[in-house]
Amino acid sequence: MEGVPFEPLLVGVSGGCDSMVLVDRLYKEGYDIAIAHVHHGLREASDEEACFIKEWATARKISFFMTRLEWTGRTSSQAACREERYAFFERIMEETGRSRLILAHHQDDQIETLLIQLIRGEAQVDGIPVVRPFGNGWLHRPLLHESKQTLREYALQHEVPWREDASNAETTYLRNQIRHTIVPSLRDMRPEFEQATAAAAHARQQIIREQATFVATYLERCKEANGIPVARILELPTDLQRLVLPTLTGEMFSSDVIRHFVTWLRVDKGSDEVYYGNWRMRRAYGFLMQDRVIRSMNDDLSFQVGENLGTYHYGEQMVRFSIGNQGIPLDAIAFPLTVRPPRPGDRIQLAVGSKKVSRILIDAKVPRYLREQVPVVVDANGVILAVIGHRIAIFGSFELLAKSYLMIEW
């Protein structure tokens, strides 16, 4: 298959037409492949789909790896599913020593992604890369230049079996809305728009690759014993500053994360550190350093805060705990505190009664896919003390009688 090196591969297979065509072609072309399948635990049909893929792999003596996701106490958002899925792929790559992950995204996916980036107003509208660093190796998407219709025709011609996910016909999510409403309208307006748009995305990615090569060389030349001088990074044009984080980590990040990183670089706070995914970025005395923090696929960013308090980072969010003359009465708090993601049923005490944390985030118009990234502070008795960025608990008249208070700032 064009662009895919002839070496051991891990292939992500959902059971749909696209991934079954991908794995069928790789198998027939003689690649050494192993299959990784994620059972999301959300649909009854997923059990049969998992059995179907396993039987297909067993009949061809192909190694098969599967995980089933559990959502007890967590929200099964699209973002959460994707994170778990990619974490599983990375773990299997490490366990099997395979450094190439192959996924079946195609031209239709590329068009939808470009439109999503435009609708969300992202800083870079460049679509899905054909190849990018991933885990201990690389992620390839060799079907990006082929349409879904072409893949379906291949499946019918070569009798490749697949399973249809009924949820693909729904319009609950933005991607499906674009797929079933916007793309057909654009196709009617200009029949060749998909090919032209995909070609433009490919050209844009080529420019980005060339810029990334320049940034990598520049950073290597700037590097000193204490790290990379922040001042030298800030000498780069803004477009190239946005490539520094992906270049240093070898990972892809959202536009919001990139903007946060660039702002963090520009605002000199002396010694400071911040986490992006599995990477810790540190700045001290004008130098930038980075190191990788290894987490298992079930880890989250939760941590505990003892009575010594202090300043912490939860992902991109800074949280400062201190003793002051206002805030939450210390007598009402049981240490240690825990900073963690919101959970179903979480409620925070306000001036009149209590309110669900989920409702606070809805009222604040926090997108569903970002709500799990909003930390809450909980004491040892499970009392919600704060929804970081939004609310601090109110303990009524008890606060007026307290001698010492916990201040939570962000």
Protein backbone atom coordinates (compact mmCIF):
# COMPACT_ATOMS: atom_id res chain seq x y z
CA MET A 1 0.00 0.00 0.00
CA GLU A 2 1.39 3.38 -1.02
CA GLY A 3 3.15 5.22 1.78
CA VAL A 4 3.06 2.32 4.24
CA PRO A 5 6.49 0.83 5.04
CA PHE A 6 6.79 -2.94 4.72
CA GLU A 7 7.28 -3.70 8.40
CA PRO A 8 5.13 -5.03 11.29
CA LEU A 9 1.94 -2.96 11.57
CA LEU A 10 -0.86 -2.48 14.08
CA VAL A 11 -4.18 -1.84 12.33
CA GLY A 12 -7.10 -0.20 14.11
CA VAL A 13 -10.27 -2.01 13.01
CA SER A 14 -13.79 -0.97 13.99
CA GLY A 15 -15.59 -3.48 11.78
CA GLY A 16 -16.98 -0.82 9.46
CA CYS A 17 -16.52 -0.83 5.71
CA ASP A 18 -13.50 1.50 5.74
CA SER A 19 -11.39 -0.36 8.28
CA MET A 20 -12.31 -3.78 6.85
CA VAL A 21 -11.20 -2.68 3.38
CA LEU A 22 -7.97 -1.35 4.87
CA VAL A 23 -7.11 -4.54 6.75
CA ASP A 24 -8.18 -6.73 3.80
CA ARG A 25 -5.85 -4.88 1.44
CA LEU A 26 -2.92 -4.96 3.87
CA TYR A 27 -3.43 -8.69 4.44
CA LYS A 28 -3.62 -9.49 0.72
CA GLU A 29 -0.52 -7.41 0.02
CA GLY A 30 1.45 -9.55 2.46
CA TYR A 31 2.01 -7.14 5.35
CA ASP A 32 2.74 -8.45 8.85
CA ILE A 33 -0.32 -7.09 10.62
CA ALA A 34 -1.97 -7.29 14.03
CA ILE A 35 -5.50 -6.01 14.69
CA ALA A 36 -6.52 -3.73 17.55
CA HIS A 37 -10.24 -3.29 18.27
CA VAL A 38 -11.93 -1.07 20.86
CA HIS A 39 -15.34 -2.13 22.18
CA HIS A 40 -16.76 1.18 23.39
CA GLY A 41 -19.39 -0.47 25.56
CA LEU A 42 -22.12 1.84 24.30
CA ARG A 43 -24.16 -0.22 21.81
CA GLU A 44 -25.65 -3.71 21.97
CA ALA A 45 -24.37 -4.42 18.46
CA SER A 46 -20.78 -3.92 19.63
CA ASP A 47 -20.62 -7.44 21.07
CA GLU A 48 -21.41 -9.02 17.70
CA GLU A 49 -19.02 -6.63 15.91
CA ALA A 50 -16.15 -7.61 18.21
CA CYS A 51 -16.84 -11.32 17.62
CA PHE A 52 -17.03 -10.73 13.87
CA ILE A 53 -13.61 -9.04 13.75
CA LYS A 54 -12.00 -11.64 16.00
CA GLU A 55 -13.32 -14.48 13.84
CA TRP A 56 -12.08 -12.72 10.67
CA ALA A 57 -8.63 -12.34 12.23
CA THR A 58 -8.52 -15.90 13.60
CA ALA A 59 -9.43 -17.38 10.22
CA ARG A 60 -6.34 -15.65 8.76
CA LYS A 61 -4.08 -16.33 11.77
CA ILE A 62 -3.79 -12.60 12.52
CA SER A 63 -3.09 -11.48 16.10
CA PHE A 64 -6.13 -9.81 17.64
CA PHE A 65 -6.13 -7.37 20.58
CA MET A 66 -9.28 -5.92 22.12
CA THR A 67 -10.31 -3.78 25.05
CA ARG A 68 -13.78 -2.97 26.34
CA LEU A 69 -14.23 0.51 27.80
CA GLU A 70 -15.96 1.00 31.13
CA TRP A 71 -17.83 4.22 31.85
CA THR A 72 -18.92 3.84 35.45
CA GLY A 73 -18.70 7.28 37.02
CA ARG A 74 -17.52 8.86 33.77
CA THR A 75 -19.08 10.50 30.73
CA SER A 76 -18.69 8.63 27.42
CA SER A 77 -18.15 11.71 25.26
CA GLN A 78 -16.66 11.45 21.79
CA ALA A 79 -13.48 13.08 23.09
CA ALA A 80 -13.23 10.60 25.97
CA CYS A 81 -13.77 7.65 23.60
CA ARG A 82 -11.08 8.91 21.26
CA GLU A 83 -8.62 9.42 24.11
CA GLU A 84 -9.20 5.91 25.45
CA ARG A 85 -9.00 4.43 21.96
CA TYR A 86 -5.68 6.04 21.12
CA ALA A 87 -4.25 5.19 24.55
CA PHE A 88 -5.09 1.53 23.89
CA PHE A 89 -3.45 1.64 20.47
CA GLU A 90 -0.32 3.15 21.99
CA ARG A 91 -0.18 0.52 24.72
CA ILE A 92 -0.48 -2.36 22.24
CA MET A 93 2.24 -0.81 20.09
CA GLU A 94 4.54 -0.77 23.11
CA GLU A 95 3.65 -4.32 24.15
CA THR A 96 4.11 -5.78 20.66
CA GLY A 97 7.05 -3.66 19.56
CA ARG A 98 5.17 -2.43 16.49
CA SER A 99 6.02 1.17 15.64
CA ARG A 100 3.38 1.80 12.92
CA LEU A 101 -0.32 2.31 13.60
CA ILE A 102 -2.55 2.24 10.51
CA LEU A 103 -6.04 3.79 10.55
CA ALA A 104 -8.75 3.91 7.89
CA HIS A 105 -9.65 7.61 7.73
CA HIS A 106 -10.55 8.51 4.15
CA GLN A 107 -11.21 11.52 1.95
CA ASP A 108 -14.74 12.05 3.28
CA ASP A 109 -13.34 12.17 6.83
CA GLN A 110 -10.79 14.73 5.64
CA ILE A 111 -13.49 17.00 4.19
CA GLU A 112 -15.59 16.76 7.36
CA THR A 113 -12.58 17.58 9.53
CA LEU A 114 -11.73 20.65 7.45
CA LEU A 115 -15.31 21.91 7.74
CA ILE A 116 -15.32 21.29 11.51
CA GLN A 117 -12.11 23.28 11.86
CA LEU A 118 -13.66 26.14 9.90
CA ILE A 119 -16.89 26.09 11.91
CA ARG A 120 -15.00 26.09 15.22
CA GLY A 121 -12.74 28.92 14.08
CA GLU A 122 -9.55 26.99 14.69
CA ALA A 123 -6.25 28.75 14.09
CA GLN A 124 -5.06 26.12 11.61
CA VAL A 125 -7.42 24.64 9.05
CA ASP A 126 -5.26 21.85 7.71
CA GLY A 127 -7.30 18.68 8.15
CA ILE A 128 -5.99 15.23 9.04
CA PRO A 129 -2.29 14.50 8.40
CA VAL A 130 -1.43 11.43 6.35
CA VAL A 131 1.46 10.63 8.67
CA ARG A 132 2.29 11.94 12.13
CA PRO A 133 4.35 10.89 15.15
CA PHE A 134 2.43 8.67 17.54
CA GLY A 135 3.49 6.84 20.69
CA ASN A 136 6.76 5.06 20.08
CA GLY A 137 6.47 5.39 16.32
CA TRP A 138 4.13 6.70 13.63
CA LEU A 139 0.45 6.87 12.71
CA HIS A 140 -0.41 6.37 9.02
CA ARG A 141 -3.67 7.06 7.23
CA PRO A 142 -3.07 5.67 3.72
CA LEU A 143 -6.73 5.98 2.59
CA LEU A 144 -7.00 9.77 2.95
CA HIS A 145 -6.92 10.22 -0.82
CA GLU A 146 -9.74 7.72 -1.44
CA SER A 147 -13.44 8.47 -1.11
CA LYS A 148 -15.84 6.39 0.96
CA GLN A 149 -17.69 5.46 -2.23
CA THR A 150 -14.46 4.03 -3.69
CA LEU A 151 -13.87 1.96 -0.58
CA ARG A 152 -17.45 0.66 -0.63
CA GLU A 153 -17.09 -0.34 -4.28
CA TYR A 154 -13.88 -2.22 -3.42
CA ALA A 155 -15.66 -4.04 -0.59
CA LEU A 156 -18.50 -5.12 -2.85
CA GLN A 157 -16.21 -6.17 -5.69
CA HIS A 158 -13.88 -8.20 -3.45
CA GLU A 159 -16.60 -9.50 -1.12
CA VAL A 160 -15.14 -7.87 1.97
CA PRO A 161 -17.60 -8.25 4.88
CA TRP A 162 -18.30 -5.38 7.26
CA ARG A 163 -20.72 -4.20 9.91
CA GLU A 164 -22.71 -0.97 9.64
CA ASP A 165 -22.80 1.24 12.74
CA ALA A 166 -26.38 2.52 12.98
CA SER A 167 -25.24 5.59 14.93
CA ASN A 168 -23.51 6.90 11.78
CA ALA A 169 -26.94 7.80 10.43
CA GLU A 170 -27.76 9.99 13.42
CA THR A 171 -27.23 13.76 13.44
CA THR A 172 -26.53 14.21 17.15
CA TYR A 173 -22.87 15.07 16.67
CA LEU A 174 -21.41 17.89 14.59
CA ARG A 175 -19.51 15.52 12.30
CA ASN A 176 -22.67 13.61 11.40
CA GLN A 177 -24.57 16.85 10.84
CA ILE A 178 -21.88 17.95 8.39
CA ARG A 179 -21.87 14.51 6.72
CA HIS A 180 -25.62 14.32 6.17
CA THR A 181 -26.58 17.97 5.59
CA ILE A 182 -23.70 20.29 4.66
CA VAL A 183 -21.57 18.03 2.43
CA PRO A 184 -24.48 16.95 0.17
CA SER A 185 -25.39 20.64 -0.34
CA LEU A 186 -21.81 21.55 -1.22
CA ARG A 187 -21.62 18.58 -3.57
CA ASP A 188 -24.73 19.82 -5.38
CA MET A 189 -23.26 23.31 -5.68
CA ARG A 190 -19.88 22.10 -6.96
CA PRO A 191 -19.56 18.39 -7.78
CA GLU A 192 -15.74 18.47 -7.69
CA PHE A 193 -15.40 20.38 -4.41
CA GLU A 194 -14.26 17.34 -2.40
CA GLN A 195 -11.27 16.58 -4.61
CA ALA A 196 -10.28 20.25 -4.78
CA THR A 197 -10.60 20.70 -1.02
CA ALA A 198 -8.62 17.54 -0.26
CA ALA A 199 -5.87 18.67 -2.66
CA ALA A 200 -5.71 22.08 -0.94
CA ALA A 201 -5.41 20.38 2.47
CA HIS A 202 -2.59 18.20 1.15
CA ALA A 203 -0.73 21.28 -0.12
CA ARG A 204 -1.24 23.04 3.22
CA GLN A 205 0.13 20.03 5.09
CA GLN A 206 3.21 20.04 2.88
CA ILE A 207 3.86 23.66 3.84
CA ILE A 208 3.41 22.83 7.53
CA ARG A 209 5.84 19.92 7.24
CA GLU A 210 8.45 22.22 5.73
CA GLN A 211 7.86 24.79 8.47
CA ALA A 212 8.09 22.09 11.14
CA THR A 213 11.44 20.95 9.73
CA PHE A 214 12.71 24.54 9.92
CA VAL A 215 11.47 24.94 13.53
CA ALA A 216 13.05 21.64 14.59
CA THR A 217 16.41 22.70 13.15
CA TYR A 218 16.11 26.16 14.70
CA LEU A 219 15.32 24.82 18.17
CA GLU A 220 18.19 22.33 18.00
CA ARG A 221 20.62 25.11 17.15
CA CYS A 222 19.28 27.30 19.98
CA LYS A 223 19.51 24.59 22.62
CA GLU A 224 21.91 25.20 25.50
CA ALA A 225 22.82 23.20 28.60
CA ASN A 226 19.91 24.71 30.58
CA GLY A 227 17.37 24.23 27.79
CA ILE A 228 16.11 26.43 24.97
CA PRO A 229 16.18 30.20 25.59
CA VAL A 230 12.56 31.39 25.62
CA ALA A 231 13.66 34.69 24.09
CA ARG A 232 14.93 32.84 21.01
CA ILE A 233 11.58 31.05 20.61
CA LEU A 234 9.73 34.37 20.80
CA GLU A 235 11.89 35.70 17.96
CA LEU A 236 10.08 33.31 15.63
CA PRO A 237 7.03 34.56 13.68
CA THR A 238 3.73 33.75 15.41
CA ASP A 239 2.85 30.98 12.92
CA LEU A 240 6.12 29.22 13.71
CA GLN A 241 5.75 29.71 17.47
CA ARG A 242 2.60 27.59 17.18
CA LEU A 243 4.72 24.72 15.87
CA VAL A 244 7.12 24.69 18.84
CA LEU A 245 5.00 22.51 21.15
CA PRO A 246 4.22 19.84 18.49
CA THR A 247 7.88 19.88 17.41
CA LEU A 248 9.26 19.42 20.94
CA THR A 249 6.79 16.67 21.87
CA GLY A 250 6.17 14.96 18.53
CA GLU A 251 2.43 15.05 19.28
CA MET A 252 -0.62 16.86 17.88
CA PHE A 253 -2.58 19.31 20.02
CA SER A 254 -5.78 21.30 19.59
CA SER A 255 -5.65 24.97 18.62
CA ASP A 256 -6.75 25.93 22.14
CA VAL A 257 -3.80 24.07 23.66
CA ILE A 258 -1.39 25.64 21.17
CA ARG A 259 -2.70 29.13 21.97
CA HIS A 260 -2.35 28.44 25.69
CA PHE A 261 1.25 27.31 25.26
CA VAL A 262 2.24 30.36 23.21
CA THR A 263 0.59 32.68 25.74
CA TRP A 264 2.32 30.84 28.59
CA LEU A 265 5.65 31.39 26.86
CA ARG A 266 5.02 35.09 26.35
CA VAL A 267 3.95 35.83 29.94
CA ASP A 268 7.10 35.63 32.05
CA LYS A 269 6.19 34.20 35.45
CA GLY A 270 9.73 33.23 36.39
CA SER A 271 9.89 29.55 37.24
CA ASP A 272 6.74 27.71 36.20
CA GLU A 273 5.55 24.46 34.69
CA VAL A 274 2.47 23.25 32.84
CA TYR A 275 1.27 19.89 31.55
CA TYR A 276 0.07 19.13 28.01
CA GLY A 277 -1.11 15.56 27.65
CA ASN A 278 1.81 13.37 28.70
CA TRP A 279 4.32 16.21 28.54
CA ARG A 280 5.53 18.60 31.21
CA MET A 281 6.90 21.93 29.99
CA ARG A 282 9.11 23.82 32.46
CA ARG A 283 10.57 27.29 32.30
CA ALA A 284 13.21 28.61 34.67
CA TYR A 285 15.61 31.54 34.42
CA GLY A 286 14.55 32.20 30.84
CA PHE A 287 15.00 28.62 29.58
CA LEU A 288 12.41 26.10 28.40
CA MET A 289 12.71 22.37 29.09
CA GLN A 290 10.34 19.46 28.51
CA ASP A 291 10.03 15.88 29.72
CA ARG A 292 7.54 13.09 29.17
CA VAL A 293 5.28 11.91 31.99
CA ILE A 294 4.17 8.32 31.50
CA ARG A 295 0.59 7.52 32.47
CA SER A 296 -1.37 4.32 32.07
CA MET A 297 -4.53 4.44 29.94
CA ASN A 298 -6.72 4.51 33.06
CA ASP A 299 -4.88 7.37 34.76
CA ASP A 300 -6.32 10.85 34.89
CA LEU A 301 -4.91 14.13 36.15
CA SER A 302 -6.33 13.78 39.67
CA PHE A 303 -4.09 14.65 42.60
CA GLN A 304 -4.31 15.33 46.32
CA VAL A 305 -3.53 18.51 48.23
CA GLY A 306 -2.34 18.31 51.83
CA GLU A 307 -2.48 20.93 54.57
CA ASN A 308 0.70 22.55 53.24
CA LEU A 309 -1.40 23.74 50.28
CA GLY A 310 0.50 25.44 47.40
CA THR A 311 0.11 25.97 43.66
CA TYR A 312 -0.71 23.12 41.29
CA HIS A 313 -1.51 22.50 37.64
CA TYR A 314 -4.40 20.38 36.46
CA GLY A 315 -3.67 19.98 32.76
CA GLU A 316 -3.59 23.54 31.52
CA GLN A 317 -5.39 24.96 34.56
CA MET A 318 -3.43 26.49 37.45
CA VAL A 319 -4.99 26.16 40.92
CA ARG A 320 -3.58 28.00 43.96
CA PHE A 321 -4.48 27.03 47.56
CA SER A 322 -3.62 29.36 50.44
CA ILE A 323 -4.79 30.56 53.87
CA GLY A 324 -6.48 33.97 53.89
CA ASN A 325 -9.12 36.13 55.52
CA GLN A 326 -11.95 35.00 53.25
CA GLY A 327 -13.06 31.90 51.40
CA ILE A 328 -14.04 28.51 52.82
CA PRO A 329 -13.83 28.01 56.63
CA LEU A 330 -10.96 25.63 57.45
CA ASP A 331 -13.05 24.12 60.25
CA ALA A 332 -15.52 22.90 57.60
CA ILE A 333 -12.88 21.08 55.56
CA ALA A 334 -11.41 17.59 55.94
CA PHE A 335 -7.95 17.10 54.43
CA PRO A 336 -6.54 15.89 52.13
CA LEU A 337 -8.30 17.64 49.28
CA THR A 338 -8.62 16.02 45.86
CA VAL A 339 -8.61 17.80 42.53
CA ARG A 340 -10.33 15.61 39.94
CA PRO A 341 -12.72 15.62 36.93
CA PRO A 342 -16.44 16.14 37.55
CA ARG A 343 -18.52 13.02 38.21
CA PRO A 344 -22.22 12.34 37.70
CA GLY A 345 -24.16 13.48 40.76
CA ASP A 346 -21.57 16.05 41.93
CA ARG A 347 -23.29 18.96 43.70
CA ILE A 348 -21.85 22.16 45.18
CA GLN A 349 -23.31 24.15 48.08
CA LEU A 350 -24.34 27.68 47.12
CA ALA A 351 -26.04 30.57 48.95
CA VAL A 352 -29.46 28.97 48.52
CA GLY A 353 -29.37 25.19 48.43
CA SER A 354 -27.02 23.21 46.20
CA LYS A 355 -26.57 22.88 42.46
CA LYS A 356 -25.37 20.13 40.17
CA VAL A 357 -21.87 20.72 38.84
CA SER A 358 -23.08 19.55 35.43
CA ARG A 359 -25.75 22.29 35.43
CA ILE A 360 -23.17 24.93 36.35
CA LEU A 361 -21.08 23.94 33.34
CA ILE A 362 -24.14 23.87 31.08
CA ASP A 363 -25.19 27.33 32.25
CA ALA A 364 -21.65 28.56 31.63
CA LYS A 365 -21.96 27.20 28.06
CA VAL A 366 -18.95 24.92 28.46
CA PRO A 367 -19.03 22.55 25.44
CA ARG A 368 -19.82 18.95 26.35
CA TYR A 369 -16.47 17.70 25.07
CA LEU A 370 -14.62 20.13 27.40
CA ARG A 371 -16.59 19.54 30.61
CA GLU A 372 -14.43 16.61 31.71
CA GLN A 373 -11.42 18.94 31.59
CA VAL A 374 -12.91 21.29 34.23
CA PRO A 375 -11.46 20.27 37.63
CA VAL A 376 -13.44 20.21 40.86
CA VAL A 377 -11.98 20.37 44.37
CA VAL A 378 -13.32 17.82 46.85
CA ASP A 379 -12.45 17.36 50.52
CA ALA A 380 -11.87 14.02 52.26
CA ASN A 381 -15.59 13.73 53.05
CA GLY A 382 -16.57 14.13 49.42
CA VAL A 383 -17.80 17.73 49.80
CA ILE A 384 -17.36 19.76 46.60
CA LEU A 385 -15.45 22.92 47.51
CA ALA A 386 -15.01 24.49 44.09
CA VAL A 387 -15.63 24.10 40.38
CA ILE A 388 -12.42 25.64 39.09
CA GLY A 389 -12.99 28.56 36.79
CA HIS A 390 -16.66 28.84 37.79
CA ARG A 391 -17.81 28.55 41.43
CA ILE A 392 -16.60 28.25 45.03
CA ALA A 393 -18.84 26.63 47.65
CA ILE A 394 -20.71 28.90 50.06
CA PHE A 395 -21.11 27.80 53.69
CA GLY A 396 -23.51 30.58 54.78
CA SER A 397 -23.34 32.10 58.24
CA PHE A 398 -20.70 29.56 59.28
CA GLU A 399 -18.21 31.53 57.22
CA LEU A 400 -18.67 34.63 59.38
CA LEU A 401 -17.65 32.74 62.54
CA ALA A 402 -14.49 31.17 61.14
CA LYS A 403 -11.01 32.28 62.16
CA SER A 404 -9.13 30.86 59.18
CA TYR A 405 -10.18 30.39 55.59
CA LEU A 406 -9.06 28.36 52.61
CA MET A 407 -8.60 30.51 49.51
CA ILE A 408 -8.84 28.79 46.15
CA GLU A 409 -7.67 30.86 43.18
CA TRP A 410 -7.25 30.18 39.49
